[in-house]
C-alpha atoms as a PDB file:
ATOM      1  CA  MET A   1     -10.282  16.049  21.061  1.00  0.00           C
ATOM      2  CA  SER A   2     -11.503  12.485  21.547  1.00  0.00           C
ATOM      3  CA  ILE A   3     -10.934  10.302  18.457  1.00  0.00           C
ATOM      4  CA  GLU A   4     -13.961   7.502  18.579  1.00  0.00           C
ATOM      5  CA  ASN A   5     -14.956   6.957  14.998  1.00  0.00           C
ATOM      6  CA  ILE A   6     -12.296   5.998  12.592  1.00  0.00           C
ATOM      7  CA  ALA A   7     -11.895   4.991   8.789  1.00  0.00           C
ATOM      8  CA  ILE A   8      -9.166   2.993   7.700  1.00  0.00           C
ATOM      9  CA  ILE A   9      -8.272   2.991   3.791  1.00  0.00           C
ATOM     10  CA  GLY A  10      -6.563  -0.380   2.898  1.00  0.00           C
ATOM     11  CA  GLY A  11      -7.177  -3.860   4.676  1.00  0.00           C
ATOM     12  CA  GLY A  12      -3.590  -5.542   4.170  1.00  0.00           C
ATOM     13  CA  GLN A  13      -1.281  -6.693   6.808  1.00  0.00           C
ATOM     14  CA  MET A  14      -0.825  -2.998   8.304  1.00  0.00           C
ATOM     15  CA  GLY A  15      -4.364  -1.989   7.808  1.00  0.00           C
ATOM     16  CA  SER A  16      -6.003  -5.096   9.332  1.00  0.00           C
ATOM     17  CA  GLY A  17      -3.733  -4.704  12.308  1.00  0.00           C
ATOM     18  CA  ILE A  18      -4.501  -1.047  12.960  1.00  0.00           C
ATOM     19  CA  ALA A  19      -8.110  -1.855  12.664  1.00  0.00           C
ATOM     20  CA  GLN A  20      -7.726  -4.577  15.150  1.00  0.00           C
ATOM     21  CA  ASN A  21      -5.550  -2.509  17.552  1.00  0.00           C
ATOM     22  CA  ALA A  22      -8.201   0.359  17.714  1.00  0.00           C
ATOM     23  CA  ALA A  23     -11.102  -1.892  17.992  1.00  0.00           C
ATOM     24  CA  GLU A  24      -9.524  -3.713  20.799  1.00  0.00           C
ATOM     25  CA  HIS A  25      -9.558  -0.237  22.402  1.00  0.00           C
ATOM     26  CA  ASN A  26     -13.371   0.408  21.650  1.00  0.00           C
ATOM     27  CA  LYS A  27     -12.880   2.542  18.697  1.00  0.00           C
ATOM     28  CA  ASN A  28     -15.562   2.371  16.170  1.00  0.00           C
ATOM     29  CA  ILE A  29     -13.810   1.137  13.010  1.00  0.00           C
ATOM     30  CA  THR A  30     -14.873   1.391   9.077  1.00  0.00           C
ATOM     31  CA  LEU A  31     -12.233  -0.405   7.288  1.00  0.00           C
ATOM     32  CA  ILE A  32     -12.253   0.101   3.633  1.00  0.00           C
ATOM     33  CA  GLU A  33     -11.004  -2.104   0.753  1.00  0.00           C
ATOM     34  CA  VAL A  34     -11.031  -1.867  -2.967  1.00  0.00           C
ATOM     35  CA  ASN A  35     -13.271  -4.867  -3.513  1.00  0.00           C
ATOM     36  CA  GLU A  36     -15.543  -7.680  -1.865  1.00  0.00           C
ATOM     37  CA  LYS A  37     -12.567 -10.187  -2.116  1.00  0.00           C
ATOM     38  CA  LYS A  38     -10.086  -7.909  -0.381  1.00  0.00           C
ATOM     39  CA  ALA A  39     -12.531  -6.842   2.009  1.00  0.00           C
ATOM     40  CA  SER A  40     -13.372 -10.572   3.105  1.00  0.00           C
ATOM     41  CA  GLU A  41      -9.578 -11.338   3.175  1.00  0.00           C
ATOM     42  CA  ALA A  42      -8.992  -8.550   5.672  1.00  0.00           C
ATOM     43  CA  GLU A  43     -11.838  -9.433   7.771  1.00  0.00           C
ATOM     44  CA  GLN A  44     -10.840 -13.282   7.817  1.00  0.00           C
ATOM     45  CA  HIS A  45      -7.207 -12.020   8.713  1.00  0.00           C
ATOM     46  CA  ILE A  46      -8.439  -9.876  11.757  1.00  0.00           C
ATOM     47  CA  LYS A  47     -10.790 -13.029  13.014  1.00  0.00           C
ATOM     48  CA  GLU A  48      -7.495 -15.312  12.574  1.00  0.00           C
ATOM     49  CA  GLN A  49      -5.473 -13.049  14.578  1.00  0.00           C
ATOM     50  CA  LEU A  50      -8.011 -12.700  17.325  1.00  0.00           C
ATOM     51  CA  SER A  51      -8.767 -16.467  17.503  1.00  0.00           C
ATOM     52  CA  SER A  52      -5.039 -17.166  17.896  1.00  0.00           C
ATOM     53  CA  LYS A  53      -5.275 -14.632  20.868  1.00  0.00           C
ATOM     54  CA  VAL A  54      -8.167 -16.916  22.199  1.00  0.00           C
ATOM     55  CA  LYS A  55      -6.301 -20.166  21.816  1.00  0.00           C
ATOM     56  CA  LYS A  56      -2.977 -18.702  23.779  1.00  0.00           C
ATOM     57  CA  GLY A  57      -5.581 -17.524  26.703  1.00  0.00           C
ATOM     58  CA  LYS A  58      -4.905 -13.837  25.866  1.00  0.00           C
ATOM     59  CA  LYS A  59      -8.521 -13.098  25.067  1.00  0.00           C
ATOM     60  CA  THR A  60     -11.862 -14.856  25.651  1.00  0.00           C
ATOM     61  CA  GLU A  61     -14.300 -15.557  23.099  1.00  0.00           C
ATOM     62  CA  LYS A  62     -16.756 -12.907  24.464  1.00  0.00           C
ATOM     63  CA  LYS A  63     -13.981 -10.300  24.081  1.00  0.00           C
ATOM     64  CA  LYS A  64     -13.135 -11.601  20.648  1.00  0.00           C
ATOM     65  CA  SER A  65     -16.878 -11.123  19.722  1.00  0.00           C
ATOM     66  CA  GLN A  66     -17.032  -7.598  21.137  1.00  0.00           C
ATOM     67  CA  ILE A  67     -13.925  -6.429  19.176  1.00  0.00           C
ATOM     68  CA  LEU A  68     -15.079  -7.811  16.003  1.00  0.00           C
ATOM     69  CA  SER A  69     -18.398  -6.079  16.731  1.00  0.00           C
ATOM     70  CA  ASN A  70     -16.493  -2.657  16.562  1.00  0.00           C
ATOM     71  CA  ILE A  71     -15.253  -3.280  12.949  1.00  0.00           C
ATOM     72  CA  TYR A  72     -17.223  -2.728   9.805  1.00  0.00           C
ATOM     73  CA  VAL A  73     -15.680  -3.574   6.476  1.00  0.00           C
ATOM     74  CA  LYS A  74     -16.776  -1.677   3.334  1.00  0.00           C
ATOM     75  CA  THR A  75     -15.774  -1.130  -0.182  1.00  0.00           C
ATOM     76  CA  ASN A  76     -17.131   2.261  -0.633  1.00  0.00           C
ATOM     77  CA  MET A  77     -14.959   5.327  -0.080  1.00  0.00           C
ATOM     78  CA  GLU A  78     -17.970   7.330   0.878  1.00  0.00           C
ATOM     79  CA  LYS A  79     -18.110   5.411   4.139  1.00  0.00           C
ATOM     80  CA  VAL A  80     -15.554   7.660   5.256  1.00  0.00           C
ATOM     81  CA  LYS A  81     -18.076  10.340   6.023  1.00  0.00           C
ATOM     82  CA  GLY A  82     -18.759  11.117   9.933  1.00  0.00           C
ATOM     83  CA  SER A  83     -15.284   9.665  10.725  1.00  0.00           C
ATOM     84  CA  SER A  84     -13.123  12.077  13.132  1.00  0.00           C
ATOM     85  CA  LEU A  85      -9.998  10.414  12.030  1.00  0.00           C
ATOM     86  CA  VAL A  86      -9.126   8.480   8.491  1.00  0.00           C
ATOM     87  CA  ILE A  87      -5.913   6.376   8.619  1.00  0.00           C
ATOM     88  CA  GLU A  88      -4.525   5.707   4.925  1.00  0.00           C
ATOM     89  CA  ALA A  89      -2.769   2.271   4.929  1.00  0.00           C
ATOM     90  CA  VAL A  90      -2.286   1.654   1.215  1.00  0.00           C
ATOM     91  CA  PRO A  91       1.221   0.405  -0.654  1.00  0.00           C
ATOM     92  CA  GLU A  92       4.167   2.594  -0.118  1.00  0.00           C
ATOM     93  CA  ASP A  93       3.855   4.681  -3.247  1.00  0.00           C
ATOM     94  CA  LEU A  94       3.521   8.540  -3.246  1.00  0.00           C
ATOM     95  CA  GLU A  95       1.026   8.610  -6.384  1.00  0.00           C
ATOM     96  CA  ILE A  96      -1.230   5.901  -4.922  1.00  0.00           C
ATOM     97  CA  LYS A  97      -1.142   7.669  -1.553  1.00  0.00           C
ATOM     98  CA  LYS A  98      -2.096  11.067  -3.141  1.00  0.00           C
ATOM     99  CA  LYS A  99      -5.094   9.656  -5.122  1.00  0.00           C
ATOM    100  CA  VAL A 100      -6.456   7.996  -2.221  1.00  0.00           C
ATOM    101  CA  PHE A 101      -6.203  11.378  -0.013  1.00  0.00           C
ATOM    102  CA  SER A 102      -7.639  13.416  -2.831  1.00  0.00           C
ATOM    103  CA  GLN A 103     -10.580  10.740  -2.793  1.00  0.00           C
ATOM    104  CA  ILE A 104     -10.944  10.979   0.858  1.00  0.00           C
ATOM    105  CA  ASP A 105     -10.886  14.849   0.625  1.00  0.00           C
ATOM    106  CA  GLN A 106     -14.435  14.824  -1.013  1.00  0.00           C
ATOM    107  CA  TYR A 107     -16.186  13.054   1.709  1.00  0.00           C
ATOM    108  CA  VAL A 108     -14.691  14.322   5.078  1.00  0.00           C
ATOM    109  CA  ASP A 109     -15.588  17.170   7.285  1.00  0.00           C
ATOM    110  CA  ASP A 110     -13.490  20.161   7.680  1.00  0.00           C
ATOM    111  CA  ASN A 111     -12.126  18.996  11.166  1.00  0.00           C
ATOM    112  CA  THR A 112     -11.476  15.478  10.376  1.00  0.00           C
ATOM    113  CA  ILE A 113      -7.815  14.419  10.728  1.00  0.00           C
ATOM    114  CA  LEU A 114      -6.302  12.519   7.689  1.00  0.00           C
ATOM    115  CA  ALA A 115      -3.225  10.351   8.632  1.00  0.00           C
ATOM    116  CA  SER A 116      -1.027   8.341   6.463  1.00  0.00           C
ATOM    117  CA  ASN A 117       0.601   5.118   7.790  1.00  0.00           C
ATOM    118  CA  THR A 118       3.644   5.807   5.482  1.00  0.00           C
ATOM    119  CA  SER A 119       7.085   4.730   6.735  1.00  0.00           C
ATOM    120  CA  GLY A 120       8.648   7.768   5.225  1.00  0.00           C
ATOM    121  CA  LEU A 121       6.925   9.604   2.257  1.00  0.00           C
ATOM    122  CA  SER A 122       6.795  13.253   2.261  1.00  0.00           C
ATOM    123  CA  ILE A 123       3.611  14.178   4.321  1.00  0.00           C
ATOM    124  CA  ALA A 124       3.833  17.987   2.892  1.00  0.00           C
ATOM    125  CA  ALA A 125       3.685  16.128  -0.743  1.00  0.00           C
ATOM    126  CA  ILE A 126       0.469  14.112   0.623  1.00  0.00           C
ATOM    127  CA  SER A 127      -1.205  16.860   2.142  1.00  0.00           C
ATOM    128  CA  SER A 128      -0.747  19.004  -1.151  1.00  0.00           C
ATOM    129  CA  VAL A 129      -3.924  17.268  -2.794  1.00  0.00           C
ATOM    130  CA  THR A 130      -6.204  18.031  -0.022  1.00  0.00           C
ATOM    131  CA  GLN A 131      -8.167  21.083   0.870  1.00  0.00           C
ATOM    132  CA  ARG A 132      -7.125  20.818   4.393  1.00  0.00           C
ATOM    133  CA  PRO A 133      -3.290  20.180   4.731  1.00  0.00           C
ATOM    134  CA  LYS A 134      -3.385  21.419   8.358  1.00  0.00           C
ATOM    135  CA  ASN A 135      -5.222  18.319   9.324  1.00  0.00           C
ATOM    136  CA  VAL A 136      -2.799  15.966   7.592  1.00  0.00           C
ATOM    137  CA  ILE A 137      -0.100  14.147   9.280  1.00  0.00           C
ATOM    138  CA  GLY A 138       2.073  11.058   9.357  1.00  0.00           C
ATOM    139  CA  PHE A 139       0.826   8.294  11.701  1.00  0.00           C
ATOM    140  CA  HIS A 140       3.344   5.339  11.144  1.00  0.00           C
ATOM    141  CA  TYR A 141       2.578   2.113  13.087  1.00  0.00           C
ATOM    142  CA  PHE A 142       5.113  -0.858  13.294  1.00  0.00           C
ATOM    143  CA  TYR A 143       4.453  -4.452  12.193  1.00  0.00           C
ATOM    144  CA  PRO A 144       2.978  -6.278  13.949  1.00  0.00           C
ATOM    145  CA  VAL A 145       0.697  -3.252  14.679  1.00  0.00           C
ATOM    146  CA  PRO A 146      -1.172  -4.996  17.715  1.00  0.00           C
ATOM    147  CA  VAL A 147       2.179  -5.942  19.243  1.00  0.00           C
ATOM    148  CA  MET A 148       4.484  -3.122  18.689  1.00  0.00           C
ATOM    149  CA  ARG A 149       4.138  -0.136  20.940  1.00  0.00           C
ATOM    150  CA  LEU A 150       5.878   2.677  18.866  1.00  0.00           C
ATOM    151  CA  VAL A 151       4.154   5.251  16.479  1.00  0.00           C
ATOM    152  CA  GLU A 152       5.950   7.903  14.574  1.00  0.00           C
ATOM    153  CA  VAL A 153       3.990  11.035  14.530  1.00  0.00           C
ATOM    154  CA  THR A 154       4.878  13.405  11.867  1.00  0.00           C
ATOM    155  CA  PRO A 155       3.369  16.785  11.017  1.00  0.00           C
ATOM    156  CA  SER A 156       4.435  18.533   7.675  1.00  0.00           C
ATOM    157  CA  ILE A 157       5.215  22.350   7.628  1.00  0.00           C
ATOM    158  CA  VAL A 158       1.594  23.319   7.413  1.00  0.00           C
ATOM    159  CA  THR A 159       0.088  20.759  10.050  1.00  0.00           C
ATOM    160  CA  ASP A 160      -1.332  22.512  12.900  1.00  0.00           C
ATOM    161  CA  ASP A 161      -0.727  22.078  16.598  1.00  0.00           C
ATOM    162  CA  THR A 162      -4.360  20.887  17.343  1.00  0.00           C
ATOM    163  CA  THR A 163      -3.939  18.115  14.693  1.00  0.00           C
ATOM    164  CA  VAL A 164      -0.334  17.015  16.423  1.00  0.00           C
ATOM    165  CA  GLU A 165      -1.786  17.297  20.089  1.00  0.00           C
ATOM    166  CA  ALA A 166      -4.872  14.817  18.884  1.00  0.00           C
ATOM    167  CA  MET A 167      -2.899  12.281  17.437  1.00  0.00           C
ATOM    168  CA  PHE A 168      -0.471  12.317  20.580  1.00  0.00           C
ATOM    169  CA  GLY A 169      -3.787  11.823  22.600  1.00  0.00           C
ATOM    170  CA  PHE A 170      -5.161   9.030  20.200  1.00  0.00           C
ATOM    171  CA  ALA A 171      -1.897   7.110  20.464  1.00  0.00           C
ATOM    172  CA  GLU A 172      -1.995   7.074  24.044  1.00  0.00           C
ATOM    173  CA  SER A 173      -5.830   6.141  23.985  1.00  0.00           C
ATOM    174  CA  ILE A 174      -4.664   2.884  21.959  1.00  0.00           C
ATOM    175  CA  GLU A 175      -1.817   2.158  24.346  1.00  0.00           C
ATOM    176  CA  LYS A 176       0.890   3.304  21.805  1.00  0.00           C
ATOM    177  CA  ASN A 177       3.936   5.233  22.387  1.00  0.00           C
ATOM    178  CA  PRO A 178       4.185   8.228  20.242  1.00  0.00           C
ATOM    179  CA  VAL A 179       7.503   9.935  19.033  1.00  0.00           C
ATOM    180  CA  ARG A 180       7.541  13.317  16.979  1.00  0.00           C
ATOM    181  CA  CYS A 181       9.372  13.227  13.835  1.00  0.00           C
ATOM    182  CA  GLN A 182      10.404  15.719  11.250  1.00  0.00           C
ATOM    183  CA  ASP A 183       9.033  15.297   7.650  1.00  0.00           C
ATOM    184  CA  TYR A 184      12.274  14.291   6.076  1.00  0.00           C
ATOM    185  CA  PRO A 185      12.683  10.681   4.426  1.00  0.00           C
ATOM    186  CA  GLY A 186      12.727   7.864   6.468  1.00  0.00           C
ATOM    187  CA  PHE A 187      11.616   9.728   9.677  1.00  0.00           C
ATOM    188  CA  LEU A 188      13.554   8.414  12.636  1.00  0.00           C
ATOM    189  CA  VAL A 189      13.383   4.664  12.665  1.00  0.00           C
ATOM    190  CA  ASN A 190      13.734   3.765   9.231  1.00  0.00           C
ATOM    191  CA  ARG A 191      16.340   6.608   8.696  1.00  0.00           C
ATOM    192  CA  ILE A 192      18.524   4.978  11.425  1.00  0.00           C
ATOM    193  CA  LEU A 193      17.757   1.181  10.993  1.00  0.00           C
ATOM    194  CA  VAL A 194      17.657   0.753   7.282  1.00  0.00           C
ATOM    195  CA  PRO A 195      21.185   2.119   6.654  1.00  0.00           C
ATOM    196  CA  MET A 196      22.357  -0.283   9.460  1.00  0.00           C
ATOM    197  CA  ILE A 197      20.688  -3.245   7.692  1.00  0.00           C
ATOM    198  CA  ASN A 198      22.262  -2.120   4.272  1.00  0.00           C
ATOM    199  CA  GLU A 199      25.776  -1.906   5.929  1.00  0.00           C
ATOM    200  CA  SER A 200      25.213  -5.381   7.256  1.00  0.00           C
ATOM    201  CA  VAL A 201      24.539  -6.436   3.684  1.00  0.00           C
ATOM    202  CA  TYR A 202      27.773  -4.940   2.603  1.00  0.00           C
ATOM    203  CA  CYS A 203      29.657  -6.871   5.210  1.00  0.00           C
ATOM    204  CA  VAL A 204      28.080 -10.160   3.653  1.00  0.00           C
ATOM    205  CA  MET A 205      29.048  -9.019   0.252  1.00  0.00           C
ATOM    206  CA  GLU A 206      32.856  -8.559   1.393  1.00  0.00           C
ATOM    207  CA  GLY A 207      32.844 -12.168   2.813  1.00  0.00           C
ATOM    208  CA  ALA A 208      31.215 -12.106   6.279  1.00  0.00           C
ATOM    209  CA  GLN A 209      28.780 -15.082   7.012  1.00  0.00           C
ATOM    210  CA  PRO A 210      24.831 -13.790   7.758  1.00  0.00           C
ATOM    211  CA  LYS A 211      25.087 -15.730  10.944  1.00  0.00           C
ATOM    212  CA  ASP A 212      28.184 -14.251  12.187  1.00  0.00           C
ATOM    213  CA  VAL A 213      26.907 -10.645  11.098  1.00  0.00           C
ATOM    214  CA  ASP A 214      23.760 -11.349  13.378  1.00  0.00           C
ATOM    215  CA  GLU A 215      25.606 -12.802  16.176  1.00  0.00           C
ATOM    216  CA  ALA A 216      27.901  -9.980  16.335  1.00  0.00           C
ATOM    217  CA  MET A 217      25.144  -7.420  16.672  1.00  0.00           C
ATOM    218  CA  ARG A 218      23.034  -9.532  18.977  1.00  0.00           C
ATOM    219  CA  LEU A 219      25.754 -10.011  21.556  1.00  0.00           C
ATOM    220  CA  GLY A 220      27.849  -6.871  20.779  1.00  0.00           C
ATOM    221  CA  ALA A 221      25.051  -4.354  20.520  1.00  0.00           C
ATOM    222  CA  ASN A 222      22.537  -6.198  22.538  1.00  0.00           C
ATOM    223  CA  HIS A 223      20.083  -6.418  19.856  1.00  0.00           C
ATOM    224  CA  ARG A 224      17.182  -8.935  20.122  1.00  0.00           C
ATOM    225  CA  MET A 225      17.320  -9.925  16.550  1.00  0.00           C
ATOM    226  CA  GLY A 226      20.496  -9.655  14.213  1.00  0.00           C
ATOM    227  CA  PRO A 227      20.012  -7.160  11.228  1.00  0.00           C
ATOM    228  CA  LEU A 228      19.750  -9.716   8.502  1.00  0.00           C
ATOM    229  CA  THR A 229      17.438 -11.923  10.341  1.00  0.00           C
ATOM    230  CA  LEU A 230      15.219  -8.653  10.630  1.00  0.00           C
ATOM    231  CA  ALA A 231      15.725  -8.048   7.020  1.00  0.00           C
ATOM    232  CA  ASP A 232      14.422 -11.305   6.032  1.00  0.00           C
ATOM    233  CA  PHE A 233      11.371 -10.905   8.408  1.00  0.00           C
ATOM    234  CA  VAL A 234      10.722  -7.352   7.147  1.00  0.00           C
ATOM    235  CA  GLY A 235      11.192  -8.386   3.482  1.00  0.00           C
ATOM    236  CA  LEU A 236      14.168  -7.360   1.398  1.00  0.00           C
ATOM    237  CA  ASP A 237      12.073  -5.843  -1.526  1.00  0.00           C
ATOM    238  CA  VAL A 238      10.639  -3.574   1.181  1.00  0.00           C
ATOM    239  CA  LEU A 239      14.110  -2.560   2.791  1.00  0.00           C
ATOM    240  CA  LEU A 240      15.300  -2.078  -0.943  1.00  0.00           C
ATOM    241  CA  ALA A 241      12.532   0.304  -1.875  1.00  0.00           C
ATOM    242  CA  THR A 242      13.052   2.032   1.582  1.00  0.00           C
ATOM    243  CA  MET A 243      16.900   2.404   1.021  1.00  0.00           C
ATOM    244  CA  GLU A 244      16.164   3.794  -2.614  1.00  0.00           C
ATOM    245  CA  GLY A 245      13.684   6.384  -0.935  1.00  0.00           C
ATOM    246  CA  LEU A 246      16.374   7.527   1.520  1.00  0.00           C
ATOM    247  CA  TYR A 247      18.786   7.929  -1.247  1.00  0.00           C
ATOM    248  CA  ASN A 248      16.651   9.865  -3.695  1.00  0.00           C
ATOM    249  CA  GLY A 249      15.316  12.014  -0.935  1.00  0.00           C
ATOM    250  CA  PHE A 250      18.849  13.039   0.375  1.00  0.00           C
ATOM    251  CA  HIS A 251      20.890  12.306  -2.690  1.00  0.00           C
ATOM    252  CA  ASP A 252      23.731  11.383  -0.283  1.00  0.00           C
ATOM    253  CA  SER A 253      25.962   8.559  -1.075  1.00  0.00           C
ATOM    254  CA  LYS A 254      25.648   7.076   2.457  1.00  0.00           C
ATOM    255  CA  TYR A 255      22.147   5.825   1.631  1.00  0.00           C
ATOM    256  CA  ARG A 256      23.021   4.015  -1.583  1.00  0.00           C
ATOM    257  CA  PRO A 257      21.593   0.545  -1.531  1.00  0.00           C
ATOM    258  CA  CYS A 258      24.333  -2.112  -1.563  1.00  0.00           C
ATOM    259  CA  PRO A 259      24.628  -3.764  -4.979  1.00  0.00           C
ATOM    260  CA  LEU A 260      24.030  -7.305  -3.402  1.00  0.00           C
ATOM    261  CA  LEU A 261      20.811  -6.391  -1.674  1.00  0.00           C
ATOM    262  CA  LYS A 262      19.627  -5.412  -5.175  1.00  0.00           C
ATOM    263  CA  LYS A 263      20.819  -8.631  -6.671  1.00  0.00           C
ATOM    264  CA  VAL A 264      19.071 -10.728  -3.841  1.00  0.00           C
ATOM    265  CA  VAL A 265      15.847  -8.804  -4.553  1.00  0.00           C
ATOM    266  CA  GLU A 266      16.256  -9.149  -8.305  1.00  0.00           C
ATOM    267  CA  SER A 267      16.561 -12.984  -7.665  1.00  0.00           C
ATOM    268  CA  GLY A 268      13.129 -13.226  -6.175  1.00  0.00           C
ATOM    269  CA  ASN A 269      14.419 -14.310  -2.942  1.00  0.00           C
ATOM    270  CA  LEU A 270      12.715 -11.543  -0.575  1.00  0.00           C
ATOM    271  CA  GLY A 271      13.046 -13.334   2.915  1.00  0.00           C
ATOM    272  CA  MET A 272      10.625 -15.202   4.954  1.00  0.00           C
ATOM    273  CA  LYS A 273       7.774 -14.490   2.777  1.00  0.00           C
ATOM    274  CA  THR A 274       9.184 -16.284  -0.209  1.00  0.00           C
ATOM    275  CA  GLY A 275      11.140 -19.141   1.799  1.00  0.00           C
ATOM    276  CA  LYS A 276      14.605 -17.490   1.222  1.00  0.00           C
ATOM    277  CA  GLY A 277      16.537 -14.420   1.908  1.00  0.00           C
ATOM    278  CA  PHE A 278      19.783 -14.397   3.730  1.00  0.00           C
ATOM    279  CA  TYR A 279      18.411 -17.491   5.406  1.00  0.00           C
ATOM    280  CA  ASN A 280      16.202 -20.365   4.489  1.00  0.00           C
ATOM    281  CA  TYR A 281      12.863 -20.844   5.932  1.00  0.00           C
ATOM    282  CA  ASP A 282      10.446 -23.842   6.368  1.00  0.00           C
ATOM    283  CA  GLU A 283       6.646 -23.330   5.702  1.00  0.00           C
ATOM    284  CA  ALA A 284       5.980 -22.262   9.034  1.00  0.00           C
ATOM    285  CA  GLY A 285       8.671 -19.356   8.847  1.00  0.00           C
ATOM    286  CA  LYS A 286      11.047 -21.168  11.129  1.00  0.00           C
ATOM    287  CA  GLN A 287      14.565 -20.010  10.088  1.00  0.00           C
ATOM    288  CA  LEU A 288      16.621 -23.199   9.115  1.00  0.00           C
ATOM    289  CA  GLN A 289      20.064 -22.027   8.084  1.00  0.00           C
ATOM    290  CA  GLN A 290      21.794 -19.448   6.193  1.00  0.00           C
ATOM    291  CA  SER A 291      21.355 -19.470   2.373  1.00  0.00           C
ATOM    292  CA  PHE A 292      24.885 -18.352   1.307  1.00  0.00           C
END
């Protein structure tokens, strides 16, 4: 099954990145946002990302124009009609995602694949609000989407093999490396990575310096980026929400969020995006020094 016409719901950092990546591989994209302001912001973000590539010599102006011509930004959910694949990229909230899937379900064809970019919510629960649960699948990209090669492909217990095969084929057509996951909280990457970061925060709570924790993992485990630097980059609020999702999903104490992580988030220091997390950052996002 060749997937060429794609609708993407949500034009934030993830949604716009998904649109850009697919458009770069000559897919026809309909990017849907909730209003004209959000739609304009999504379109502008994609233009800025492509302009940056042109400046760095990674793209030509001609190629940039070609990519942009593959993307249509709309504000009407009905525009999903005719798509062979719809990818949802709205906030990581189960009720919001279920509402979106219920809306999509009214307009798509019987054989349209419905994919969620969730990083760990139940695909079975999301699919329960549709009339085509066999067509629903998790397809989790990593940030920044145009750069990161991995996608987690997660069928639910009712997703059929044809849907899985089609999404593996689609991943390869946009030069992504797919891995198959089971439909349990956190899938693979977040289930392994986020508890590791949480344990790093426990080390800081017990007296370790953030820079020492990061240096230990970079040099001792050959990680390209220390866990606390990565935490600041991802967003401490995002990590806390993921950890709480794992804890609530498995009811296992090993997934209990570190109290210090909660305190830092409560203080409003969420990492690079606020200028302060475990480190301080300048306006350009350059790491300055540890914050405590």
